[in-house]
Every structure is written in C-alpha cells, then in structure tokens.
PDB file of N, CA and C in Angstrom:
ATOM      1  N   UNK A   1       2.512  11.887  16.414  1.00  0.00           N
ATOM      2  CA  UNK A   1       2.525  12.350  15.041  1.00  0.00           C
ATOM      3  C   UNK A   1       1.795  13.687  14.971  1.00  0.00           C
ATOM      4  N   UNK A   2       2.305  14.583  14.159  1.00  0.00           N
ATOM      5  CA  UNK A   2       1.711  15.903  14.000  1.00  0.00           C
ATOM      6  C   UNK A   2       0.411  15.837  13.208  1.00  0.00           C
ATOM      7  N   UNK A   3      -0.440  16.786  13.479  1.00  0.00           N
ATOM      8  CA  UNK A   3      -1.708  16.888  12.759  1.00  0.00           C
ATOM      9  C   UNK A   3      -1.475  17.039  11.264  1.00  0.00           C
ATOM     10  N   UNK A   4      -0.427  17.764  10.864  1.00  0.00           N
ATOM     11  CA  UNK A   4      -0.136  17.950   9.439  1.00  0.00           C
ATOM     12  C   UNK A   4       0.213  16.615   8.756  1.00  0.00           C
ATOM     13  N   UNK A   5       0.817  15.702   9.499  1.00  0.00           N
ATOM     14  CA  UNK A   5       1.117  14.377   8.936  1.00  0.00           C
ATOM     15  C   UNK A   5      -0.166  13.603   8.661  1.00  0.00           C
ATOM     16  N   UNK A   6      -1.110  13.689   9.601  1.00  0.00           N
ATOM     17  CA  UNK A   6      -2.395  13.023   9.383  1.00  0.00           C
ATOM     18  C   UNK A   6      -3.101  13.626   8.174  1.00  0.00           C
ATOM     19  N   UNK A   7      -2.986  14.916   8.028  1.00  0.00           N
ATOM     20  CA  UNK A   7      -3.593  15.586   6.881  1.00  0.00           C
ATOM     21  C   UNK A   7      -3.031  15.048   5.573  1.00  0.00           C
ATOM     22  N   UNK A   8      -1.707  14.861   5.496  1.00  0.00           N
ATOM     23  CA  UNK A   8      -1.078  14.303   4.288  1.00  0.00           C
ATOM     24  C   UNK A   8      -1.572  12.882   4.019  1.00  0.00           C
ATOM     25  N   UNK A   9      -1.690  12.094   5.072  1.00  0.00           N
ATOM     26  CA  UNK A   9      -2.132  10.703   4.931  1.00  0.00           C
ATOM     27  C   UNK A   9      -3.560  10.657   4.410  1.00  0.00           C
ATOM     28  N   UNK A  10      -4.458  11.409   5.049  1.00  0.00           N
ATOM     29  CA  UNK A  10      -5.860  11.379   4.639  1.00  0.00           C
ATOM     30  C   UNK A  10      -6.052  11.988   3.256  1.00  0.00           C
ATOM     31  N   UNK A  11      -5.245  12.983   2.922  1.00  0.00           N
ATOM     32  CA  UNK A  11      -5.320  13.557   1.576  1.00  0.00           C
ATOM     33  C   UNK A  11      -4.913  12.511   0.539  1.00  0.00           C
ATOM     34  N   UNK A  12      -3.850  11.776   0.814  1.00  0.00           N
ATOM     35  CA  UNK A  12      -3.399  10.728  -0.114  1.00  0.00           C
ATOM     36  C   UNK A  12      -4.467   9.654  -0.279  1.00  0.00           C
ATOM     37  N   UNK A  13      -5.116   9.296   0.809  1.00  0.00           N
ATOM     38  CA  UNK A  13      -6.135   8.240   0.754  1.00  0.00           C
ATOM     39  C   UNK A  13      -7.493   8.736   0.292  1.00  0.00           C
ATOM     40  N   UNK A  14      -7.649  10.047   0.114  1.00  0.00           N
ATOM     41  CA  UNK A  14      -8.939  10.577  -0.330  1.00  0.00           C
ATOM     42  C   UNK A  14      -9.188  10.329  -1.813  1.00  0.00           C
ATOM     43  N   UNK A  15      -8.145   9.963  -2.548  1.00  0.00           N
ATOM     44  CA  UNK A  15      -8.296   9.625  -3.958  1.00  0.00           C
ATOM     45  C   UNK A  15      -8.710   8.163  -4.056  1.00  0.00           C
ATOM     46  N   UNK A  16      -9.793   7.887  -4.755  1.00  0.00           N
ATOM     47  CA  UNK A  16     -10.340   6.531  -4.818  1.00  0.00           C
ATOM     48  C   UNK A  16      -9.340   5.520  -5.380  1.00  0.00           C
ATOM     49  N   UNK A  17      -8.597   5.907  -6.408  1.00  0.00           N
ATOM     50  CA  UNK A  17      -7.634   4.981  -7.013  1.00  0.00           C
ATOM     51  C   UNK A  17      -6.489   4.670  -6.042  1.00  0.00           C
ATOM     52  N   UNK A  18      -6.001   5.688  -5.335  1.00  0.00           N
ATOM     53  CA  UNK A  18      -4.939   5.456  -4.350  1.00  0.00           C
ATOM     54  C   UNK A  18      -5.445   4.600  -3.207  1.00  0.00           C
ATOM     55  N   UNK A  19      -6.686   4.819  -2.822  1.00  0.00           N
ATOM     56  CA  UNK A  19      -7.267   3.999  -1.758  1.00  0.00           C
ATOM     57  C   UNK A  19      -7.334   2.541  -2.192  1.00  0.00           C
ATOM     58  N   UNK A  20      -7.707   2.295  -3.445  1.00  0.00           N
ATOM     59  CA  UNK A  20      -7.739   0.921  -3.959  1.00  0.00           C
ATOM     60  C   UNK A  20      -6.349   0.309  -3.953  1.00  0.00           C
ATOM     61  N   UNK A  21      -5.356   1.078  -4.388  1.00  0.00           N
ATOM     62  CA  UNK A  21      -3.971   0.579  -4.405  1.00  0.00           C
ATOM     63  C   UNK A  21      -3.526   0.261  -2.981  1.00  0.00           C
ATOM     64  N   UNK A  22      -3.808   1.172  -2.067  1.00  0.00           N
ATOM     65  CA  UNK A  22      -3.440   0.939  -0.674  1.00  0.00           C
ATOM     66  C   UNK A  22      -4.094  -0.334  -0.140  1.00  0.00           C
ATOM     67  N   UNK A  23      -5.373  -0.508  -0.431  1.00  0.00           N
ATOM     68  CA  UNK A  23      -6.072  -1.700   0.055  1.00  0.00           C
ATOM     69  C   UNK A  23      -5.494  -2.965  -0.563  1.00  0.00           C
ATOM     70  N   UNK A  24      -5.107  -2.913  -1.824  1.00  0.00           N
ATOM     71  CA  UNK A  24      -4.469  -4.076  -2.442  1.00  0.00           C
ATOM     72  C   UNK A  24      -3.189  -4.433  -1.704  1.00  0.00           C
ATOM     73  N   UNK A  25      -2.408  -3.407  -1.395  1.00  0.00           N
ATOM     74  CA  UNK A  25      -1.157  -3.662  -0.690  1.00  0.00           C
ATOM     75  C   UNK A  25      -1.417  -4.107   0.737  1.00  0.00           C
ATOM     76  N   UNK A  26      -2.357  -3.466   1.401  1.00  0.00           N
ATOM     77  CA  UNK A  26      -2.639  -3.793   2.803  1.00  0.00           C
ATOM     78  C   UNK A  26      -3.191  -5.205   2.939  1.00  0.00           C
ATOM     79  N   UNK A  27      -4.130  -5.525   2.115  1.00  0.00           N
ATOM     80  CA  UNK A  27      -4.745  -6.847   2.204  1.00  0.00           C
ATOM     81  C   UNK A  27      -4.028  -7.880   1.358  1.00  0.00           C
ATOM     82  N   UNK A  28      -3.165  -7.403   0.459  1.00  0.00           N
ATOM     83  CA  UNK A  28      -2.446  -8.273  -0.471  1.00  0.00           C
ATOM     84  C   UNK A  28      -3.434  -9.214  -1.158  1.00  0.00           C
ATOM     85  N   UNK A  29      -4.461  -8.606  -1.750  1.00  0.00           N
ATOM     86  CA  UNK A  29      -5.573  -9.380  -2.279  1.00  0.00           C
ATOM     87  C   UNK A  29      -5.385  -9.833  -3.720  1.00  0.00           C
ATOM     88  N   UNK A  30      -4.362  -9.349  -4.410  1.00  0.00           N
ATOM     89  CA  UNK A  30      -4.120  -9.846  -5.759  1.00  0.00           C
ATOM     90  C   UNK A  30      -3.481 -11.222  -5.675  1.00  0.00           C
ATOM     91  N   UNK A  31      -3.621 -12.006  -6.703  1.00  0.00           N
ATOM     92  CA  UNK A  31      -2.973 -13.317  -6.744  1.00  0.00           C
ATOM     93  C   UNK A  31      -1.535 -13.153  -7.189  1.00  0.00           C
ATOM     94  N   UNK A  32      -0.635 -13.805  -6.499  1.00  0.00           N
ATOM     95  CA  UNK A  32       0.780 -13.784  -6.826  1.00  0.00           C
ATOM     96  C   UNK A  32       1.217 -15.209  -7.075  1.00  0.00           C
ATOM     97  N   UNK A  33       1.813 -15.438  -8.212  1.00  0.00           N
ATOM     98  CA  UNK A  33       2.333 -16.751  -8.572  1.00  0.00           C
ATOM     99  C   UNK A  33       1.282 -17.840  -8.384  1.00  0.00           C
ATOM    100  N   UNK A  34       0.059 -17.515  -8.752  1.00  0.00           N
ATOM    101  CA  UNK A  34      -1.005 -18.508  -8.743  1.00  0.00           C
ATOM    102  C   UNK A  34      -1.636 -18.782  -7.396  1.00  0.00           C
ATOM    103  N   UNK A  35      -1.226 -18.082  -6.342  1.00  0.00           N
ATOM    104  CA  UNK A  35      -1.852 -18.321  -5.055  1.00  0.00           C
ATOM    105  C   UNK A  35      -2.207 -16.996  -4.409  1.00  0.00           C
ATOM    106  N   UNK A  36      -3.175 -17.025  -3.542  1.00  0.00           N
ATOM    107  CA  UNK A  36      -3.584 -15.812  -2.860  1.00  0.00           C
ATOM    108  C   UNK A  36      -2.642 -15.542  -1.704  1.00  0.00           C
ATOM    109  N   UNK A  37      -2.171 -14.287  -1.619  1.00  0.00           N
ATOM    110  CA  UNK A  37      -1.265 -13.892  -0.543  1.00  0.00           C
ATOM    111  C   UNK A  37      -2.036 -13.207   0.582  1.00  0.00           C
ATOM    112  N   UNK A  38      -3.357 -13.133   0.451  1.00  0.00           N
ATOM    113  CA  UNK A  38      -4.134 -12.396   1.432  1.00  0.00           C
ATOM    114  C   UNK A  38      -4.311 -13.226   2.695  1.00  0.00           C
ATOM    115  N   UNK A  39      -3.681 -12.772   3.749  1.00  0.00           N
ATOM    116  CA  UNK A  39      -3.868 -13.408   5.047  1.00  0.00           C
ATOM    117  C   UNK A  39      -3.851 -12.320   6.098  1.00  0.00           C
ATOM    118  N   UNK A  40      -4.860 -12.320   6.929  1.00  0.00           N
ATOM    119  CA  UNK A  40      -4.918 -11.350   8.014  1.00  0.00           C
ATOM    120  C   UNK A  40      -5.147 -12.101   9.314  1.00  0.00           C
ATOM    121  N   UNK A  41      -4.449 -11.695  10.345  1.00  0.00           N
ATOM    122  CA  UNK A  41      -4.657 -12.244  11.680  1.00  0.00           C
ATOM    123  C   UNK A  41      -4.794 -11.063  12.628  1.00  0.00           C
ATOM    124  N   UNK A  42      -5.902 -11.013  13.348  1.00  0.00           N
ATOM    125  CA  UNK A  42      -6.138  -9.919  14.289  1.00  0.00           C
ATOM    126  C   UNK A  42      -6.002  -8.554  13.636  1.00  0.00           C
ATOM    127  N   UNK A  43      -6.419  -8.448  12.373  1.00  0.00           N
ATOM    128  CA  UNK A  43      -6.363  -7.171  11.673  1.00  0.00           C
ATOM    129  C   UNK A  43      -4.983  -6.763  11.214  1.00  0.00           C
ATOM    130  N   UNK A  44      -4.007  -7.629  11.360  1.00  0.00           N
ATOM    131  CA  UNK A  44      -2.636  -7.327  10.953  1.00  0.00           C
ATOM    132  C   UNK A  44      -2.220  -8.267   9.841  1.00  0.00           C
ATOM    133  N   UNK A  45      -1.298  -7.813   9.012  1.00  0.00           N
ATOM    134  CA  UNK A  45      -0.725  -8.699   8.002  1.00  0.00           C
ATOM    135  C   UNK A  45       0.061  -9.787   8.707  1.00  0.00           C
ATOM    136  N   UNK A  46       0.022 -10.973   8.161  1.00  0.00           N
ATOM    137  CA  UNK A  46       0.834 -12.056   8.717  1.00  0.00           C
ATOM    138  C   UNK A  46       2.309 -11.734   8.520  1.00  0.00           C
ATOM    139  N   UNK A  47       3.188 -12.144   9.455  1.00  0.00           N
ATOM    140  CA  UNK A  47       4.612 -11.855   9.300  1.00  0.00           C
ATOM    141  C   UNK A  47       5.187 -12.366   7.991  1.00  0.00           C
ATOM    142  N   UNK A  48       4.719 -13.502   7.516  1.00  0.00           N
ATOM    143  CA  UNK A  48       5.254 -14.057   6.276  1.00  0.00           C
ATOM    144  C   UNK A  48       4.712 -13.365   5.038  1.00  0.00           C
ATOM    145  N   UNK A  49       3.766 -12.447   5.194  1.00  0.00           N
ATOM    146  CA  UNK A  49       3.173 -11.760   4.041  1.00  0.00           C
ATOM    147  C   UNK A  49       3.201 -10.249   4.237  1.00  0.00           C
ATOM    148  N   UNK A  50       4.274  -9.721   4.796  1.00  0.00           N
ATOM    149  CA  UNK A  50       4.344  -8.300   5.117  1.00  0.00           C
ATOM    150  C   UNK A  50       4.761  -7.420   3.946  1.00  0.00           C
ATOM    151  N   UNK A  51       5.352  -7.969   2.918  1.00  0.00           N
ATOM    152  CA  UNK A  51       5.726  -7.146   1.771  1.00  0.00           C
ATOM    153  C   UNK A  51       5.184  -7.778   0.507  1.00  0.00           C
ATOM    154  N   UNK A  52       5.009  -6.954  -0.486  1.00  0.00           N
ATOM    155  CA  UNK A  52       4.450  -7.405  -1.749  1.00  0.00           C
ATOM    156  C   UNK A  52       5.533  -7.272  -2.812  1.00  0.00           C
ATOM    157  N   UNK A  53       6.017  -8.398  -3.318  1.00  0.00           N
ATOM    158  CA  UNK A  53       6.976  -8.365  -4.417  1.00  0.00           C
ATOM    159  C   UNK A  53       6.235  -8.060  -5.706  1.00  0.00           C
ATOM    160  N   UNK A  54       6.885  -7.361  -6.595  1.00  0.00           N
ATOM    161  CA  UNK A  54       6.310  -7.013  -7.893  1.00  0.00           C
ATOM    162  C   UNK A  54       4.982  -6.270  -7.737  1.00  0.00           C
ATOM    163  N   UNK A  55       4.890  -5.450  -6.699  1.00  0.00           N
ATOM    164  CA  UNK A  55       3.634  -4.764  -6.376  1.00  0.00           C
ATOM    165  C   UNK A  55       3.151  -3.894  -7.525  1.00  0.00           C
ATOM    166  N   UNK A  56       4.050  -3.128  -8.130  1.00  0.00           N
ATOM    167  CA  UNK A  56       3.656  -2.224  -9.201  1.00  0.00           C
ATOM    168  C   UNK A  56       3.055  -3.015 -10.364  1.00  0.00           C
ATOM    169  N   UNK A  57       3.714  -4.107 -10.747  1.00  0.00           N
ATOM    170  CA  UNK A  57       3.232  -4.947 -11.846  1.00  0.00           C
ATOM    171  C   UNK A  57       1.865  -5.522 -11.525  1.00  0.00           C
ATOM    172  N   UNK A  58       1.679  -5.989 -10.307  1.00  0.00           N
ATOM    173  CA  UNK A  58       0.407  -6.589  -9.918  1.00  0.00           C
ATOM    174  C   UNK A  58      -0.714  -5.554  -9.905  1.00  0.00           C
ATOM    175  N   UNK A  59      -0.408  -4.354  -9.442  1.00  0.00           N
ATOM    176  CA  UNK A  59      -1.428  -3.297  -9.447  1.00  0.00           C
ATOM    177  C   UNK A  59      -1.786  -2.941 -10.882  1.00  0.00           C
ATOM    178  N   UNK A  60      -0.786  -2.873 -11.759  1.00  0.00           N
ATOM    179  CA  UNK A  60      -1.047  -2.581 -13.179  1.00  0.00           C
ATOM    180  C   UNK A  60      -1.976  -3.635 -13.783  1.00  0.00           C
ATOM    181  N   UNK A  61      -1.807  -4.884 -13.385  1.00  0.00           N
ATOM    182  CA  UNK A  61      -2.649  -5.962 -13.898  1.00  0.00           C
ATOM    183  C   UNK A  61      -4.071  -5.873 -13.358  1.00  0.00           C
ATOM    184  N   UNK A  62      -4.227  -5.328 -12.163  1.00  0.00           N
ATOM    185  CA  UNK A  62      -5.532  -5.298 -11.507  1.00  0.00           C
ATOM    186  C   UNK A  62      -6.350  -4.049 -11.815  1.00  0.00           C
ATOM    187  N   UNK A  63      -5.685  -2.982 -12.231  1.00  0.00           N
ATOM    188  CA  UNK A  63      -6.383  -1.712 -12.415  1.00  0.00           C
ATOM    189  C   UNK A  63      -6.282  -1.243 -13.861  1.00  0.00           C
ATOM    190  N   UNK A  64      -7.329  -0.636 -14.327  1.00  0.00           N
ATOM    191  CA  UNK A  64      -7.381  -0.134 -15.693  1.00  0.00           C
ATOM    192  C   UNK A  64      -6.897   1.313 -15.729  1.00  0.00           C
ATOM    193  N   UNK A  65      -5.603   1.492 -15.400  1.00  0.00           N
ATOM    194  CA  UNK A  65      -4.982   2.810 -15.403  1.00  0.00           C
ATOM    195  C   UNK A  65      -3.644   2.710 -16.117  1.00  0.00           C
ATOM    196  N   UNK A  66      -3.161   3.831 -16.616  1.00  0.00           N
ATOM    197  CA  UNK A  66      -1.850   3.819 -17.267  1.00  0.00           C
ATOM    198  C   UNK A  66      -0.758   3.614 -16.222  1.00  0.00           C
ATOM    199  N   UNK A  67       0.379   3.115 -16.674  1.00  0.00           N
ATOM    200  CA  UNK A  67       1.513   2.890 -15.773  1.00  0.00           C
ATOM    201  C   UNK A  67       1.978   4.198 -15.130  1.00  0.00           C
ATOM    202  N   UNK A  68       1.934   5.280 -15.897  1.00  0.00           N
ATOM    203  CA  UNK A  68       2.375   6.565 -15.338  1.00  0.00           C
ATOM    204  C   UNK A  68       1.424   7.041 -14.233  1.00  0.00           C
ATOM    205  N   UNK A  69       0.135   6.806 -14.401  1.00  0.00           N
ATOM    206  CA  UNK A  69      -0.837   7.185 -13.378  1.00  0.00           C
ATOM    207  C   UNK A  69      -0.636   6.350 -12.120  1.00  0.00           C
ATOM    208  N   UNK A  70      -0.425   5.058 -12.294  1.00  0.00           N
ATOM    209  CA  UNK A  70      -0.194   4.188 -11.145  1.00  0.00           C
ATOM    210  C   UNK A  70       1.096   4.581 -10.440  1.00  0.00           C
ATOM    211  N   UNK A  71       2.126   4.895 -11.211  1.00  0.00           N
ATOM    212  CA  UNK A  71       3.392   5.347 -10.640  1.00  0.00           C
ATOM    213  C   UNK A  71       3.183   6.603  -9.800  1.00  0.00           C
ATOM    214  N   UNK A  72       2.389   7.529 -10.320  1.00  0.00           N
ATOM    215  CA  UNK A  72       2.076   8.755  -9.574  1.00  0.00           C
ATOM    216  C   UNK A  72       1.385   8.426  -8.250  1.00  0.00           C
ATOM    217  N   UNK A  73       0.429   7.504  -8.287  1.00  0.00           N
ATOM    218  CA  UNK A  73      -0.296   7.131  -7.067  1.00  0.00           C
ATOM    219  C   UNK A  73       0.644   6.475  -6.050  1.00  0.00           C
ATOM    220  N   UNK A  74       1.553   5.619  -6.513  1.00  0.00           N
ATOM    221  CA  UNK A  74       2.530   5.012  -5.611  1.00  0.00           C
ATOM    222  C   UNK A  74       3.377   6.105  -4.949  1.00  0.00           C
ATOM    223  N   UNK A  75       3.812   7.077  -5.726  1.00  0.00           N
ATOM    224  CA  UNK A  75       4.646   8.152  -5.178  1.00  0.00           C
ATOM    225  C   UNK A  75       3.883   8.980  -4.147  1.00  0.00           C
ATOM    226  N   UNK A  76       2.609   9.233  -4.405  1.00  0.00           N
ATOM    227  CA  UNK A  76       1.804   9.983  -3.441  1.00  0.00           C
ATOM    228  C   UNK A  76       1.653   9.204  -2.137  1.00  0.00           C
ATOM    229  N   UNK A  77       1.440   7.892  -2.233  1.00  0.00           N
ATOM    230  CA  UNK A  77       1.334   7.062  -1.030  1.00  0.00           C
ATOM    231  C   UNK A  77       2.664   7.028  -0.283  1.00  0.00           C
ATOM    232  N   UNK A  78       3.771   6.967  -1.021  1.00  0.00           N
ATOM    233  CA  UNK A  78       5.084   6.995  -0.392  1.00  0.00           C
ATOM    234  C   UNK A  78       5.351   8.346   0.263  1.00  0.00           C
ATOM    235  N   UNK A  79       5.046   9.430  -0.418  1.00  0.00           N
ATOM    236  CA  UNK A  79       5.267  10.774   0.133  1.00  0.00           C
ATOM    237  C   UNK A  79       4.475  11.009   1.415  1.00  0.00           C
ATOM    238  N   UNK A  80       3.323  10.389   1.517  1.00  0.00           N
ATOM    239  CA  UNK A  80       2.506  10.507   2.723  1.00  0.00           C
ATOM    240  C   UNK A  80       3.012   9.580   3.832  1.00  0.00           C
ATOM    241  N   UNK A  81       3.944   8.685   3.494  1.00  0.00           N
ATOM    242  CA  UNK A  81       4.501   7.776   4.489  1.00  0.00           C
ATOM    243  C   UNK A  81       3.672   6.536   4.732  1.00  0.00           C
ATOM    244  N   UNK A  82       2.662   6.314   3.910  1.00  0.00           N
ATOM    245  CA  UNK A  82       1.756   5.186   4.099  1.00  0.00           C
ATOM    246  C   UNK A  82       2.400   3.877   3.655  1.00  0.00           C
ATOM    247  N   UNK A  83       3.192   3.940   2.585  1.00  0.00           N
ATOM    248  CA  UNK A  83       3.883   2.755   2.085  1.00  0.00           C
ATOM    249  C   UNK A  83       5.365   3.083   1.889  1.00  0.00           C
ATOM    250  N   UNK A  84       6.154   2.030   1.848  1.00  0.00           N
ATOM    251  CA  UNK A  84       7.555   2.155   1.464  1.00  0.00           C
ATOM    252  C   UNK A  84       7.795   1.170   0.334  1.00  0.00           C
ATOM    253  N   UNK A  85       8.610   1.565  -0.604  1.00  0.00           N
ATOM    254  CA  UNK A  85       8.937   0.695  -1.724  1.00  0.00           C
ATOM    255  C   UNK A  85      10.442   0.685  -1.908  1.00  0.00           C
ATOM    256  N   UNK A  86      10.974  -0.490  -2.190  1.00  0.00           N
ATOM    257  CA  UNK A  86      12.390  -0.593  -2.513  1.00  0.00           C
ATOM    258  C   UNK A  86      12.532  -1.330  -3.835  1.00  0.00           C
ATOM    259  N   UNK A  87      13.474  -0.871  -4.617  1.00  0.00           N
ATOM    260  CA  UNK A  87      13.718  -1.480  -5.928  1.00  0.00           C
ATOM    261  C   UNK A  87      14.667  -2.658  -5.742  1.00  0.00           C
ATOM    262  N   UNK A  88      14.287  -3.782  -6.319  1.00  0.00           N
ATOM    263  CA  UNK A  88      15.124  -4.975  -6.341  1.00  0.00           C
ATOM    264  C   UNK A  88      15.313  -5.365  -7.797  1.00  0.00           C
ATOM    265  N   UNK A  89      16.369  -4.860  -8.410  1.00  0.00           N
ATOM    266  CA  UNK A  89      16.557  -5.085  -9.836  1.00  0.00           C
ATOM    267  C   UNK A  89      15.496  -4.345 -10.613  1.00  0.00           C
ATOM    268  N   UNK A  90      14.689  -5.089 -11.348  1.00  0.00           N
ATOM    269  CA  UNK A  90      13.624  -4.473 -12.137  1.00  0.00           C
ATOM    270  C   UNK A  90      12.270  -4.541 -11.444  1.00  0.00           C
ATOM    271  N   UNK A  91      12.233  -5.034 -10.224  1.00  0.00           N
ATOM    272  CA  UNK A  91      10.968  -5.141  -9.508  1.00  0.00           C
ATOM    273  C   UNK A  91      10.988  -4.259  -8.265  1.00  0.00           C
ATOM    274  N   UNK A  92       9.811  -4.045  -7.717  1.00  0.00           N
ATOM    275  CA  UNK A  92       9.665  -3.299  -6.478  1.00  0.00           C
ATOM    276  C   UNK A  92       9.085  -4.210  -5.417  1.00  0.00           C
ATOM    277  N   UNK A  93       9.545  -4.025  -4.202  1.00  0.00           N
ATOM    278  CA  UNK A  93       8.948  -4.682  -3.036  1.00  0.00           C
ATOM    279  C   UNK A  93       8.345  -3.568  -2.197  1.00  0.00           C
ATOM    280  N   UNK A  94       7.065  -3.641  -1.982  1.00  0.00           N
ATOM    281  CA  UNK A  94       6.364  -2.593  -1.234  1.00  0.00           C
ATOM    282  C   UNK A  94       5.834  -3.132   0.079  1.00  0.00           C
ATOM    283  N   UNK A  95       5.803  -2.238   1.055  1.00  0.00           N
ATOM    284  CA  UNK A  95       5.264  -2.560   2.374  1.00  0.00           C
ATOM    285  C   UNK A  95       4.357  -1.429   2.817  1.00  0.00           C
ATOM    286  N   UNK A  96       3.344  -1.801   3.556  1.00  0.00           N
ATOM    287  CA  UNK A  96       2.524  -0.806   4.223  1.00  0.00           C
ATOM    288  C   UNK A  96       3.257  -0.445   5.506  1.00  0.00           C
ATOM    289  N   UNK A  97       3.350   0.833   5.800  1.00  0.00           N
ATOM    290  CA  UNK A  97       4.000   1.294   7.018  1.00  0.00           C
ATOM    291  C   UNK A  97       3.055   1.045   8.190  1.00  0.00           C
ATOM    292  N   UNK A  98       3.297  -0.050   8.887  1.00  0.00           N
ATOM    293  CA  UNK A  98       2.381  -0.460   9.954  1.00  0.00           C
ATOM    294  C   UNK A  98       2.379   0.507  11.129  1.00  0.00           C
ATOM    295  N   UNK A  99       3.469   1.241  11.334  1.00  0.00           N
ATOM    296  CA  UNK A  99       3.496   2.250  12.397  1.00  0.00           C
ATOM    297  C   UNK A  99       2.497   3.359  12.095  1.00  0.00           C
ATOM    298  N   UNK A 100       2.389   3.730  10.831  1.00  0.00           N
ATOM    299  CA  UNK A 100       1.424   4.748  10.431  1.00  0.00           C
ATOM    300  C   UNK A 100       0.003   4.232  10.637  1.00  0.00           C
ATOM    301  N   UNK A 101      -0.228   2.972  10.301  1.00  0.00           N
ATOM    302  CA  UNK A 101      -1.563   2.385  10.488  1.00  0.00           C
ATOM    303  C   UNK A 101      -1.935   2.395  11.971  1.00  0.00           C
ATOM    304  N   UNK A 102      -1.011   2.006  12.826  1.00  0.00           N
ATOM    305  CA  UNK A 102      -1.269   2.025  14.273  1.00  0.00           C
ATOM    306  C   UNK A 102      -1.565   3.442  14.740  1.00  0.00           C
ATOM    307  N   UNK A 103      -0.802   4.395  14.239  1.00  0.00           N
ATOM    308  CA  UNK A 103      -0.988   5.788  14.619  1.00  0.00           C
ATOM    309  C   UNK A 103      -2.362   6.302  14.180  1.00  0.00           C
ATOM    310  N   UNK A 104      -2.778   5.924  12.977  1.00  0.00           N
ATOM    311  CA  UNK A 104      -4.103   6.330  12.491  1.00  0.00           C
ATOM    312  C   UNK A 104      -5.198   5.742  13.370  1.00  0.00           C
ATOM    313  N   UNK A 105      -5.049   4.478  13.732  1.00  0.00           N
ATOM    314  CA  UNK A 105      -6.041   3.839  14.601  1.00  0.00           C
ATOM    315  C   UNK A 105      -6.155   4.579  15.934  1.00  0.00           C
ATOM    316  N   UNK A 106      -5.014   4.954  16.501  1.00  0.00           N
ATOM    317  CA  UNK A 106      -5.023   5.714  17.766  1.00  0.00           C
ATOM    318  C   UNK A 106      -5.654   7.086  17.576  1.00  0.00           C
ATOM    319  N   UNK A 107      -5.349   7.723  16.471  1.00  0.00           N
ATOM    320  CA  UNK A 107      -5.893   9.045  16.177  1.00  0.00           C
ATOM    321  C   UNK A 107      -7.418   9.002  16.080  1.00  0.00           C
ATOM    322  N   UNK A 108      -7.948   7.934  15.507  1.00  0.00           N
ATOM    323  CA  UNK A 108      -9.387   7.828  15.288  1.00  0.00           C
ATOM    324  C   UNK A 108     -10.167   7.362  16.522  1.00  0.00           C
ATOM    325  N   UNK A 109      -9.474   6.962  17.560  1.00  0.00           N
ATOM    326  CA  UNK A 109     -10.176   6.502  18.782  1.00  0.00           C
ATOM    327  C   UNK A 109     -10.802   7.651  19.510  1.00  0.00           C
TER     328      UNK A 109
END
C-alpha cells in the first residue's frame, strides 16, 4: 500500500467521532435486536459477525450527532477505504475492510 493511502486512513481516523464510529463497527459493540454482536477472537471479528446490518441506524442511536453529520463520517471512512457499505433496500450493511486493518498492523510494526 502506498504511503498516501496510509495518510488518507490516518486522516479519516484522526477525527474523534469517526474513530468512535469505526470502533463501533469494528467491535460491533452496539446492541442489535436485543443481543450483543460484539465477539472477537484473536483480535479478529468472528466470521458470523463480520458485517453490521442497519449500521447507520445503530450509530445514530448511539451518538448524539445529526444524521447528516454521521452520513458525512461514514462517507469519509468509505473514501479512505476503511469500511465498505452496501445498501439493502432502506438499510445499510457495513463491513470493516480487514485487508486495510492487516496492512495498518504491518505498517506499524
């Protein structure tokens, strides 16, 4: 990965609100349908919990920010390649780009 790509990633994560959103998605720490989806094994998301359905809605419920601000933060994280989101009807399914996470870990070694 190019140095400029790392710069985009770290710039996106330098905003405290975006970092919180990223951590919510990475750890999947919000409650979904009455149960906790947060499961980590060896520092990785469990295969059965790799994407977050209704991620935007859940982040809106967890953070005291306007929907437009949260939307902006999601777009910045997507533009940096940290997350991917796909629309499923009226909901979004978001994933953390695990290849980027692995690359960051290697970069920081």
